[in-house]
PDB file of N, CA and C in Angstrom:
ATOM      1  N   MET A   1     -16.301 -10.631   7.937  1.00  0.00           N
ATOM      2  CA  MET A   1     -16.242  -9.578   8.931  1.00  0.00           C
ATOM      3  C   MET A   1     -14.780  -9.273   9.281  1.00  0.00           C
ATOM      4  N   ILE A   2     -14.519  -8.021   9.500  1.00  0.00           N
ATOM      5  CA  ILE A   2     -13.204  -7.558   9.920  1.00  0.00           C
ATOM      6  C   ILE A   2     -13.228  -7.429  11.435  1.00  0.00           C
ATOM      7  N   LYS A   3     -12.389  -8.212  12.117  1.00  0.00           N
ATOM      8  CA  LYS A   3     -12.324  -8.181  13.578  1.00  0.00           C
ATOM      9  C   LYS A   3     -11.473  -6.994  14.014  1.00  0.00           C
ATOM     10  N   VAL A   4     -12.078  -6.124  14.827  1.00  0.00           N
ATOM     11  CA  VAL A   4     -11.450  -4.856  15.199  1.00  0.00           C
ATOM     12  C   VAL A   4     -11.174  -4.808  16.698  1.00  0.00           C
ATOM     13  N   GLY A   5     -10.013  -4.238  17.037  1.00  0.00           N
ATOM     14  CA  GLY A   5      -9.670  -3.941  18.415  1.00  0.00           C
ATOM     15  C   GLY A   5      -9.381  -2.458  18.565  1.00  0.00           C
ATOM     16  N   ILE A   6      -9.788  -1.896  19.688  1.00  0.00           N
ATOM     17  CA  ILE A   6      -9.516  -0.489  20.002  1.00  0.00           C
ATOM     18  C   ILE A   6      -8.727  -0.465  21.299  1.00  0.00           C
ATOM     19  N   ILE A   7      -7.605   0.235  21.301  1.00  0.00           N
ATOM     20  CA  ILE A   7      -6.830   0.427  22.524  1.00  0.00           C
ATOM     21  C   ILE A   7      -6.541   1.904  22.690  1.00  0.00           C
ATOM     22  N   ASP A   8      -7.168   2.485  23.708  1.00  0.00           N
ATOM     23  CA  ASP A   8      -7.030   3.915  23.976  1.00  0.00           C
ATOM     24  C   ASP A   8      -7.370   4.135  25.441  1.00  0.00           C
ATOM     25  N   ASP A   9      -6.502   4.811  26.173  1.00  0.00           N
ATOM     26  CA  ASP A   9      -6.753   5.028  27.595  1.00  0.00           C
ATOM     27  C   ASP A   9      -7.804   6.101  27.853  1.00  0.00           C
ATOM     28  N   GLU A  10      -8.167   6.870  26.841  1.00  0.00           N
ATOM     29  CA  GLU A  10      -9.214   7.892  26.990  1.00  0.00           C
ATOM     30  C   GLU A  10     -10.570   7.263  26.668  1.00  0.00           C
ATOM     31  N   ILE A  11     -11.400   7.142  27.681  1.00  0.00           N
ATOM     32  CA  ILE A  11     -12.682   6.463  27.496  1.00  0.00           C
ATOM     33  C   ILE A  11     -13.555   7.140  26.441  1.00  0.00           C
ATOM     34  N   LEU A  12     -13.563   8.461  26.396  1.00  0.00           N
ATOM     35  CA  LEU A  12     -14.388   9.154  25.398  1.00  0.00           C
ATOM     36  C   LEU A  12     -13.899   8.871  23.979  1.00  0.00           C
ATOM     37  N   ALA A  13     -12.609   8.811  23.785  1.00  0.00           N
ATOM     38  CA  ALA A  13     -12.057   8.488  22.463  1.00  0.00           C
ATOM     39  C   ALA A  13     -12.446   7.068  22.065  1.00  0.00           C
ATOM     40  N   ARG A  14     -12.401   6.136  23.025  1.00  0.00           N
ATOM     41  CA  ARG A  14     -12.821   4.757  22.747  1.00  0.00           C
ATOM     42  C   ARG A  14     -14.291   4.708  22.363  1.00  0.00           C
ATOM     43  N   LYS A  15     -15.115   5.432  23.099  1.00  0.00           N
ATOM     44  CA  LYS A  15     -16.556   5.419  22.826  1.00  0.00           C
ATOM     45  C   LYS A  15     -16.859   5.957  21.424  1.00  0.00           C
ATOM     46  N   VAL A  16     -16.148   6.990  21.015  1.00  0.00           N
ATOM     47  CA  VAL A  16     -16.348   7.536  19.661  1.00  0.00           C
ATOM     48  C   VAL A  16     -15.994   6.477  18.619  1.00  0.00           C
ATOM     49  N   LEU A  17     -14.846   5.828  18.774  1.00  0.00           N
ATOM     50  CA  LEU A  17     -14.457   4.788  17.812  1.00  0.00           C
ATOM     51  C   LEU A  17     -15.409   3.603  17.849  1.00  0.00           C
ATOM     52  N   GLU A  18     -15.868   3.227  19.024  1.00  0.00           N
ATOM     53  CA  GLU A  18     -16.855   2.142  19.130  1.00  0.00           C
ATOM     54  C   GLU A  18     -18.120   2.488  18.353  1.00  0.00           C
ATOM     55  N   GLU A  19     -18.581   3.727  18.507  1.00  0.00           N
ATOM     56  CA  GLU A  19     -19.781   4.168  17.791  1.00  0.00           C
ATOM     57  C   GLU A  19     -19.558   4.124  16.279  1.00  0.00           C
ATOM     58  N   TYR A  20     -18.420   4.612  15.829  1.00  0.00           N
ATOM     59  CA  TYR A  20     -18.117   4.590  14.392  1.00  0.00           C
ATOM     60  C   TYR A  20     -18.083   3.150  13.869  1.00  0.00           C
ATOM     61  N   CYS A  21     -17.447   2.255  14.618  1.00  0.00           N
ATOM     62  CA  CYS A  21     -17.374   0.852  14.188  1.00  0.00           C
ATOM     63  C   CYS A  21     -18.762   0.237  14.080  1.00  0.00           C
ATOM     64  N   SER A  22     -19.651   0.598  14.997  1.00  0.00           N
ATOM     65  CA  SER A  22     -21.007   0.034  14.974  1.00  0.00           C
ATOM     66  C   SER A  22     -21.792   0.473  13.747  1.00  0.00           C
ATOM     67  N   LYS A  23     -21.376   1.555  13.128  1.00  0.00           N
ATOM     68  CA  LYS A  23     -22.084   2.070  11.949  1.00  0.00           C
ATOM     69  C   LYS A  23     -21.564   1.494  10.633  1.00  0.00           C
ATOM     70  N   ILE A  24     -20.514   0.691  10.700  1.00  0.00           N
ATOM     71  CA  ILE A  24     -19.928   0.108   9.483  1.00  0.00           C
ATOM     72  C   ILE A  24     -20.208  -1.385   9.514  1.00  0.00           C
ATOM     73  N   ASP A  25     -20.990  -1.852   8.534  1.00  0.00           N
ATOM     74  CA  ASP A  25     -21.516  -3.211   8.546  1.00  0.00           C
ATOM     75  C   ASP A  25     -20.465  -4.313   8.633  1.00  0.00           C
ATOM     76  N   ASN A  26     -19.337  -4.171   7.968  1.00  0.00           N
ATOM     77  CA  ASN A  26     -18.390  -5.283   7.917  1.00  0.00           C
ATOM     78  C   ASN A  26     -17.333  -5.237   9.027  1.00  0.00           C
ATOM     79  N   LEU A  27     -17.529  -4.390  10.045  1.00  0.00           N
ATOM     80  CA  LEU A  27     -16.615  -4.338  11.186  1.00  0.00           C
ATOM     81  C   LEU A  27     -17.258  -5.013  12.392  1.00  0.00           C
ATOM     82  N   GLU A  28     -16.499  -5.879  13.033  1.00  0.00           N
ATOM     83  CA  GLU A  28     -16.949  -6.532  14.268  1.00  0.00           C
ATOM     84  C   GLU A  28     -15.981  -6.135  15.381  1.00  0.00           C
ATOM     85  N   LEU A  29     -16.447  -5.348  16.317  1.00  0.00           N
ATOM     86  CA  LEU A  29     -15.625  -4.918  17.431  1.00  0.00           C
ATOM     87  C   LEU A  29     -15.512  -6.062  18.428  1.00  0.00           C
ATOM     88  N   VAL A  30     -14.293  -6.580  18.621  1.00  0.00           N
ATOM     89  CA  VAL A  30     -14.102  -7.714  19.522  1.00  0.00           C
ATOM     90  C   VAL A  30     -13.331  -7.336  20.789  1.00  0.00           C
ATOM     91  N   LEU A  31     -12.707  -6.168  20.797  1.00  0.00           N
ATOM     92  CA  LEU A  31     -11.988  -5.704  21.987  1.00  0.00           C
ATOM     93  C   LEU A  31     -11.950  -4.188  21.997  1.00  0.00           C
ATOM     94  N   SER A  32     -12.262  -3.623  23.146  1.00  0.00           N
ATOM     95  CA  SER A  32     -12.113  -2.192  23.359  1.00  0.00           C
ATOM     96  C   SER A  32     -11.619  -2.018  24.787  1.00  0.00           C
ATOM     97  N   THR A  33     -10.411  -1.510  24.924  1.00  0.00           N
ATOM     98  CA  THR A  33      -9.802  -1.401  26.245  1.00  0.00           C
ATOM     99  C   THR A  33      -8.901  -0.180  26.344  1.00  0.00           C
ATOM    100  N   GLY A  34      -8.688   0.251  27.552  1.00  0.00           N
ATOM    101  CA  GLY A  34      -7.741   1.321  27.817  1.00  0.00           C
ATOM    102  C   GLY A  34      -6.481   0.797  28.471  1.00  0.00           C
ATOM    103  N   ASN A  35      -6.381  -0.512  28.608  1.00  0.00           N
ATOM    104  CA  ASN A  35      -5.271  -1.151  29.299  1.00  0.00           C
ATOM    105  C   ASN A  35      -4.357  -1.857  28.299  1.00  0.00           C
ATOM    106  N   PRO A  36      -3.155  -1.337  28.070  1.00  0.00           N
ATOM    107  CA  PRO A  36      -2.233  -1.969  27.116  1.00  0.00           C
ATOM    108  C   PRO A  36      -1.905  -3.426  27.446  1.00  0.00           C
ATOM    109  N   LEU A  37      -1.801  -3.757  28.723  1.00  0.00           N
ATOM    110  CA  LEU A  37      -1.481  -5.140  29.099  1.00  0.00           C
ATOM    111  C   LEU A  37      -2.644  -6.083  28.797  1.00  0.00           C
ATOM    112  N   GLU A  38      -3.860  -5.622  28.999  1.00  0.00           N
ATOM    113  CA  GLU A  38      -5.038  -6.413  28.628  1.00  0.00           C
ATOM    114  C   GLU A  38      -5.046  -6.663  27.119  1.00  0.00           C
ATOM    115  N   PHE A  39      -4.709  -5.629  26.366  1.00  0.00           N
ATOM    116  CA  PHE A  39      -4.650  -5.752  24.916  1.00  0.00           C
ATOM    117  C   PHE A  39      -3.623  -6.808  24.500  1.00  0.00           C
ATOM    118  N   ILE A  40      -2.432  -6.748  25.067  1.00  0.00           N
ATOM    119  CA  ILE A  40      -1.380  -7.711  24.715  1.00  0.00           C
ATOM    120  C   ILE A  40      -1.815  -9.129  25.064  1.00  0.00           C
ATOM    121  N   ASN A  41      -2.390  -9.308  26.233  1.00  0.00           N
ATOM    122  CA  ASN A  41      -2.879 -10.645  26.624  1.00  0.00           C
ATOM    123  C   ASN A  41      -3.953 -11.142  25.668  1.00  0.00           C
ATOM    124  N   PHE A  42      -4.856 -10.264  25.285  1.00  0.00           N
ATOM    125  CA  PHE A  42      -5.931 -10.644  24.360  1.00  0.00           C
ATOM    126  C   PHE A  42      -5.359 -11.087  23.015  1.00  0.00           C
ATOM    127  N   THR A  43      -4.406 -10.317  22.490  1.00  0.00           N
ATOM    128  CA  THR A  43      -3.880 -10.627  21.150  1.00  0.00           C
ATOM    129  C   THR A  43      -3.005 -11.873  21.140  1.00  0.00           C
ATOM    130  N   GLN A  44      -2.550 -12.326  22.290  1.00  0.00           N
ATOM    131  CA  GLN A  44      -1.802 -13.585  22.337  1.00  0.00           C
ATOM    132  C   GLN A  44      -2.723 -14.784  22.146  1.00  0.00           C
ATOM    133  N   GLN A  45      -3.995 -14.607  22.425  1.00  0.00           N
ATOM    134  CA  GLN A  45      -4.970 -15.700  22.320  1.00  0.00           C
ATOM    135  C   GLN A  45      -5.971 -15.526  21.185  1.00  0.00           C
ATOM    136  N   ASN A  46      -6.043 -14.321  20.606  1.00  0.00           N
ATOM    137  CA  ASN A  46      -7.073 -13.999  19.617  1.00  0.00           C
ATOM    138  C   ASN A  46      -6.468 -13.228  18.453  1.00  0.00           C
ATOM    139  N   ASP A  47      -7.026 -13.444  17.291  1.00  0.00           N
ATOM    140  CA  ASP A  47      -6.588 -12.714  16.102  1.00  0.00           C
ATOM    141  C   ASP A  47      -7.461 -11.490  15.875  1.00  0.00           C
ATOM    142  N   LEU A  48      -6.816 -10.419  15.472  1.00  0.00           N
ATOM    143  CA  LEU A  48      -7.507  -9.205  15.056  1.00  0.00           C
ATOM    144  C   LEU A  48      -7.077  -8.880  13.638  1.00  0.00           C
ATOM    145  N   ASP A  49      -7.986  -8.287  12.869  1.00  0.00           N
ATOM    146  CA  ASP A  49      -7.662  -7.871  11.505  1.00  0.00           C
ATOM    147  C   ASP A  49      -7.247  -6.407  11.454  1.00  0.00           C
ATOM    148  N   LEU A  50      -7.760  -5.609  12.389  1.00  0.00           N
ATOM    149  CA  LEU A  50      -7.529  -4.167  12.392  1.00  0.00           C
ATOM    150  C   LEU A  50      -7.497  -3.672  13.825  1.00  0.00           C
ATOM    151  N   ILE A  51      -6.523  -2.794  14.121  1.00  0.00           N
ATOM    152  CA  ILE A  51      -6.414  -2.211  15.446  1.00  0.00           C
ATOM    153  C   ILE A  51      -6.369  -0.693  15.330  1.00  0.00           C
ATOM    154  N   PHE A  52      -7.215  -0.034  16.113  1.00  0.00           N
ATOM    155  CA  PHE A  52      -7.122   1.405  16.318  1.00  0.00           C
ATOM    156  C   PHE A  52      -6.288   1.573  17.579  1.00  0.00           C
ATOM    157  N   LEU A  53      -5.094   2.120  17.440  1.00  0.00           N
ATOM    158  CA  LEU A  53      -4.111   2.141  18.517  1.00  0.00           C
ATOM    159  C   LEU A  53      -3.730   3.567  18.882  1.00  0.00           C
ATOM    160  N   ASP A  54      -4.008   3.933  20.125  1.00  0.00           N
ATOM    161  CA  ASP A  54      -3.587   5.229  20.651  1.00  0.00           C
ATOM    162  C   ASP A  54      -2.087   5.180  20.928  1.00  0.00           C
ATOM    163  N   ILE A  55      -1.441   6.331  20.945  1.00  0.00           N
ATOM    164  CA  ILE A  55      -0.001   6.360  21.208  1.00  0.00           C
ATOM    165  C   ILE A  55       0.298   6.646  22.673  1.00  0.00           C
ATOM    166  N   GLU A  56      -0.192   7.744  23.198  1.00  0.00           N
ATOM    167  CA  GLU A  56       0.142   8.137  24.571  1.00  0.00           C
ATOM    168  C   GLU A  56      -0.782   7.441  25.562  1.00  0.00           C
ATOM    169  N   MET A  57      -0.225   6.412  26.238  1.00  0.00           N
ATOM    170  CA  MET A  57      -0.961   5.657  27.250  1.00  0.00           C
ATOM    171  C   MET A  57      -0.013   5.330  28.395  1.00  0.00           C
ATOM    172  N   PRO A  58      -0.562   5.070  29.588  1.00  0.00           N
ATOM    173  CA  PRO A  58       0.306   4.668  30.707  1.00  0.00           C
ATOM    174  C   PRO A  58       0.836   3.244  30.492  1.00  0.00           C
ATOM    175  N   GLU A  59       1.860   2.911  31.178  1.00  0.00           N
ATOM    176  CA  GLU A  59       2.511   1.596  31.169  1.00  0.00           C
ATOM    177  C   GLU A  59       3.255   1.334  29.861  1.00  0.00           C
ATOM    178  N   LEU A  60       2.557   1.243  28.760  1.00  0.00           N
ATOM    179  CA  LEU A  60       3.157   1.067  27.433  1.00  0.00           C
ATOM    180  C   LEU A  60       2.512   2.053  26.493  1.00  0.00           C
ATOM    181  N   ASN A  61       3.301   2.725  25.675  1.00  0.00           N
ATOM    182  CA  ASN A  61       2.652   3.585  24.692  1.00  0.00           C
ATOM    183  C   ASN A  61       2.441   2.808  23.395  1.00  0.00           C
ATOM    184  N   GLY A  62       1.640   3.360  22.527  1.00  0.00           N
ATOM    185  CA  GLY A  62       1.287   2.680  21.291  1.00  0.00           C
ATOM    186  C   GLY A  62       2.480   2.343  20.416  1.00  0.00           C
ATOM    187  N   MET A  63       3.484   3.202  20.382  1.00  0.00           N
ATOM    188  CA  MET A  63       4.671   2.922  19.567  1.00  0.00           C
ATOM    189  C   MET A  63       5.436   1.729  20.135  1.00  0.00           C
ATOM    190  N   GLU A  64       5.497   1.602  21.461  1.00  0.00           N
ATOM    191  CA  GLU A  64       6.158   0.446  22.078  1.00  0.00           C
ATOM    192  C   GLU A  64       5.398  -0.837  21.743  1.00  0.00           C
ATOM    193  N   ILE A  65       4.079  -0.765  21.792  1.00  0.00           N
ATOM    194  CA  ILE A  65       3.263  -1.925  21.425  1.00  0.00           C
ATOM    195  C   ILE A  65       3.506  -2.280  19.966  1.00  0.00           C
ATOM    196  N   LEU A  66       3.491  -1.297  19.108  1.00  0.00           N
ATOM    197  CA  LEU A  66       3.695  -1.512  17.676  1.00  0.00           C
ATOM    198  C   LEU A  66       5.056  -2.146  17.410  1.00  0.00           C
ATOM    199  N   ARG A  67       6.100  -1.634  18.044  1.00  0.00           N
ATOM    200  CA  ARG A  67       7.453  -2.172  17.858  1.00  0.00           C
ATOM    201  C   ARG A  67       7.569  -3.617  18.343  1.00  0.00           C
ATOM    202  N   SER A  68       6.767  -4.002  19.324  1.00  0.00           N
ATOM    203  CA  SER A  68       6.863  -5.348  19.902  1.00  0.00           C
ATOM    204  C   SER A  68       6.123  -6.407  19.092  1.00  0.00           C
ATOM    205  N   MET A  69       5.262  -6.000  18.184  1.00  0.00           N
ATOM    206  CA  MET A  69       4.446  -6.957  17.437  1.00  0.00           C
ATOM    207  C   MET A  69       5.263  -7.546  16.289  1.00  0.00           C
ATOM    208  N   ILE A  70       5.357  -8.870  16.256  1.00  0.00           N
ATOM    209  CA  ILE A  70       6.131  -9.548  15.221  1.00  0.00           C
ATOM    210  C   ILE A  70       5.393  -9.522  13.896  1.00  0.00           C
ATOM    211  N   LYS A  71       4.140  -9.884  13.915  1.00  0.00           N
ATOM    212  CA  LYS A  71       3.325  -9.879  12.695  1.00  0.00           C
ATOM    213  C   LYS A  71       2.010  -9.168  13.002  1.00  0.00           C
ATOM    214  N   PRO A  72       2.050  -7.828  13.026  1.00  0.00           N
ATOM    215  CA  PRO A  72       0.846  -7.094  13.421  1.00  0.00           C
ATOM    216  C   PRO A  72      -0.236  -7.136  12.340  1.00  0.00           C
ATOM    217  N   PRO A  73      -1.483  -7.017  12.782  1.00  0.00           N
ATOM    218  CA  PRO A  73      -2.563  -6.829  11.809  1.00  0.00           C
ATOM    219  C   PRO A  73      -2.476  -5.415  11.252  1.00  0.00           C
ATOM    220  N   LYS A  74      -3.456  -4.998  10.503  1.00  0.00           N
ATOM    221  CA  LYS A  74      -3.513  -3.619  10.020  1.00  0.00           C
ATOM    222  C   LYS A  74      -3.671  -2.699  11.235  1.00  0.00           C
ATOM    223  N   ILE A  75      -2.894  -1.620  11.233  1.00  0.00           N
ATOM    224  CA  ILE A  75      -2.901  -0.691  12.356  1.00  0.00           C
ATOM    225  C   ILE A  75      -3.265   0.709  11.870  1.00  0.00           C
ATOM    226  N   ILE A  76      -4.194   1.332  12.596  1.00  0.00           N
ATOM    227  CA  ILE A  76      -4.488   2.752  12.417  1.00  0.00           C
ATOM    228  C   ILE A  76      -4.163   3.421  13.740  1.00  0.00           C
ATOM    229  N   LEU A  77      -3.186   4.307  13.729  1.00  0.00           N
ATOM    230  CA  LEU A  77      -2.838   5.032  14.943  1.00  0.00           C
ATOM    231  C   LEU A  77      -3.813   6.184  15.152  1.00  0.00           C
ATOM    232  N   THR A  78      -4.226   6.358  16.393  1.00  0.00           N
ATOM    233  CA  THR A  78      -5.147   7.438  16.763  1.00  0.00           C
ATOM    234  C   THR A  78      -4.489   8.231  17.875  1.00  0.00           C
ATOM    235  N   THR A  79      -4.250   9.499  17.639  1.00  0.00           N
ATOM    236  CA  THR A  79      -3.493  10.280  18.605  1.00  0.00           C
ATOM    237  C   THR A  79      -3.729  11.768  18.442  1.00  0.00           C
ATOM    238  N   ALA A  80      -3.357  12.500  19.454  1.00  0.00           N
ATOM    239  CA  ALA A  80      -3.392  13.959  19.378  1.00  0.00           C
ATOM    240  C   ALA A  80      -2.027  14.520  19.001  1.00  0.00           C
ATOM    241  N   TYR A  81      -1.055  13.632  18.801  1.00  0.00           N
ATOM    242  CA  TYR A  81       0.324  14.043  18.550  1.00  0.00           C
ATOM    243  C   TYR A  81       0.765  13.679  17.139  1.00  0.00           C
ATOM    244  N   SER A  82       1.217  14.658  16.389  1.00  0.00           N
ATOM    245  CA  SER A  82       1.620  14.406  15.004  1.00  0.00           C
ATOM    246  C   SER A  82       3.070  13.959  14.876  1.00  0.00           C
ATOM    247  N   GLU A  83       3.876  14.094  15.918  1.00  0.00           N
ATOM    248  CA  GLU A  83       5.312  13.838  15.785  1.00  0.00           C
ATOM    249  C   GLU A  83       5.687  12.376  15.546  1.00  0.00           C
ATOM    250  N   TYR A  84       4.767  11.442  15.754  1.00  0.00           N
ATOM    251  CA  TYR A  84       5.066  10.032  15.525  1.00  0.00           C
ATOM    252  C   TYR A  84       4.697   9.564  14.114  1.00  0.00           C
ATOM    253  N   ALA A  85       4.103  10.416  13.334  1.00  0.00           N
ATOM    254  CA  ALA A  85       3.563  10.008  12.030  1.00  0.00           C
ATOM    255  C   ALA A  85       4.625   9.389  11.132  1.00  0.00           C
ATOM    256  N   LEU A  86       5.724  10.047  10.925  1.00  0.00           N
ATOM    257  CA  LEU A  86       6.749   9.537  10.020  1.00  0.00           C
ATOM    258  C   LEU A  86       7.282   8.189  10.487  1.00  0.00           C
ATOM    259  N   GLU A  87       7.630   8.081  11.752  1.00  0.00           N
ATOM    260  CA  GLU A  87       8.144   6.819  12.284  1.00  0.00           C
ATOM    261  C   GLU A  87       7.130   5.692  12.147  1.00  0.00           C
ATOM    262  N   SER A  88       5.861   5.996  12.332  1.00  0.00           N
ATOM    263  CA  SER A  88       4.835   4.956  12.324  1.00  0.00           C
ATOM    264  C   SER A  88       4.768   4.204  10.999  1.00  0.00           C
ATOM    265  N   TYR A  89       5.056   4.873   9.909  1.00  0.00           N
ATOM    266  CA  TYR A  89       4.972   4.212   8.613  1.00  0.00           C
ATOM    267  C   TYR A  89       6.098   3.206   8.411  1.00  0.00           C
ATOM    268  N   ASN A  90       7.149   3.259   9.225  1.00  0.00           N
ATOM    269  CA  ASN A  90       8.190   2.230   9.193  1.00  0.00           C
ATOM    270  C   ASN A  90       7.667   0.891   9.683  1.00  0.00           C
ATOM    271  N   TYR A  91       6.534   0.903  10.368  1.00  0.00           N
ATOM    272  CA  TYR A  91       5.939  -0.310  10.927  1.00  0.00           C
ATOM    273  C   TYR A  91       4.695  -0.757  10.166  1.00  0.00           C
ATOM    274  N   GLY A  92       4.476  -0.210   8.999  1.00  0.00           N
ATOM    275  CA  GLY A  92       3.364  -0.645   8.166  1.00  0.00           C
ATOM    276  C   GLY A  92       2.008  -0.105   8.570  1.00  0.00           C
ATOM    277  N   VAL A  93       1.983   0.965   9.335  1.00  0.00           N
ATOM    278  CA  VAL A  93       0.712   1.572   9.733  1.00  0.00           C
ATOM    279  C   VAL A  93      -0.042   2.011   8.478  1.00  0.00           C
ATOM    280  N   ILE A  94      -1.341   1.711   8.419  1.00  0.00           N
ATOM    281  CA  ILE A  94      -2.097   2.057   7.215  1.00  0.00           C
ATOM    282  C   ILE A  94      -2.707   3.445   7.267  1.00  0.00           C
ATOM    283  N   ASP A  95      -2.840   4.009   8.488  1.00  0.00           N
ATOM    284  CA  ASP A  95      -3.341   5.377   8.590  1.00  0.00           C
ATOM    285  C   ASP A  95      -2.950   5.947   9.941  1.00  0.00           C
ATOM    286  N   TYR A  96      -2.993   7.264  10.012  1.00  0.00           N
ATOM    287  CA  TYR A  96      -2.595   7.996  11.216  1.00  0.00           C
ATOM    288  C   TYR A  96      -3.649   9.079  11.401  1.00  0.00           C
ATOM    289  N   LEU A  97      -4.528   8.885  12.362  1.00  0.00           N
ATOM    290  CA  LEU A  97      -5.638   9.808  12.570  1.00  0.00           C
ATOM    291  C   LEU A  97      -5.372  10.710  13.765  1.00  0.00           C
ATOM    292  N   LEU A  98      -5.495  12.002  13.545  1.00  0.00           N
ATOM    293  CA  LEU A  98      -5.333  12.954  14.638  1.00  0.00           C
ATOM    294  C   LEU A  98      -6.677  13.210  15.312  1.00  0.00           C
ATOM    295  N   LYS A  99      -6.664  13.219  16.636  1.00  0.00           N
ATOM    296  CA  LYS A  99      -7.876  13.490  17.407  1.00  0.00           C
ATOM    297  C   LYS A  99      -8.161  14.977  17.379  1.00  0.00           C
ATOM    298  N   PRO A 100      -9.416  15.371  17.383  1.00  0.00           N
ATOM    299  CA  PRO A 100     -10.617  14.535  17.450  1.00  0.00           C
ATOM    300  C   PRO A 100     -10.890  13.885  16.088  1.00  0.00           C
ATOM    301  N   ILE A 101     -11.309  12.642  16.136  1.00  0.00           N
ATOM    302  CA  ILE A 101     -11.505  11.838  14.936  1.00  0.00           C
ATOM    303  C   ILE A 101     -12.960  11.974  14.478  1.00  0.00           C
ATOM    304  N   LYS A 102     -13.110  12.188  13.183  1.00  0.00           N
ATOM    305  CA  LYS A 102     -14.448  12.258  12.578  1.00  0.00           C
ATOM    306  C   LYS A 102     -14.669  11.001  11.754  1.00  0.00           C
ATOM    307  N   ILE A 103     -15.893  10.598  11.601  1.00  0.00           N
ATOM    308  CA  ILE A 103     -16.188   9.338  10.921  1.00  0.00           C
ATOM    309  C   ILE A 103     -15.770   9.338   9.448  1.00  0.00           C
ATOM    310  N   ASP A 104     -15.800  10.485   8.802  1.00  0.00           N
ATOM    311  CA  ASP A 104     -15.432  10.499   7.377  1.00  0.00           C
ATOM    312  C   ASP A 104     -13.939  10.278   7.216  1.00  0.00           C
TER     313      ASP A 104
END
């Protein structure tokens, strides 16, 4: 099983990703939060294989979180903003999804 975390301050965006994850057999959703600090605390104690990470969030944005991770798992950025796409690949991001996100 692939352990998945979702971090997005928009509850509807989180719910869509949660639904998509539930439809894929080898994904196990272990964290879904809109709080960047909760996410950081969780990842200090738990391993994730894949993170769906929003960029624009209060307190810490997704790029700040990404830059702070020493050995990040696979990251898929989820955002409504395309301007971070090029920079994100410097951090090993495996995909960059623009909202609204479709399952395909």
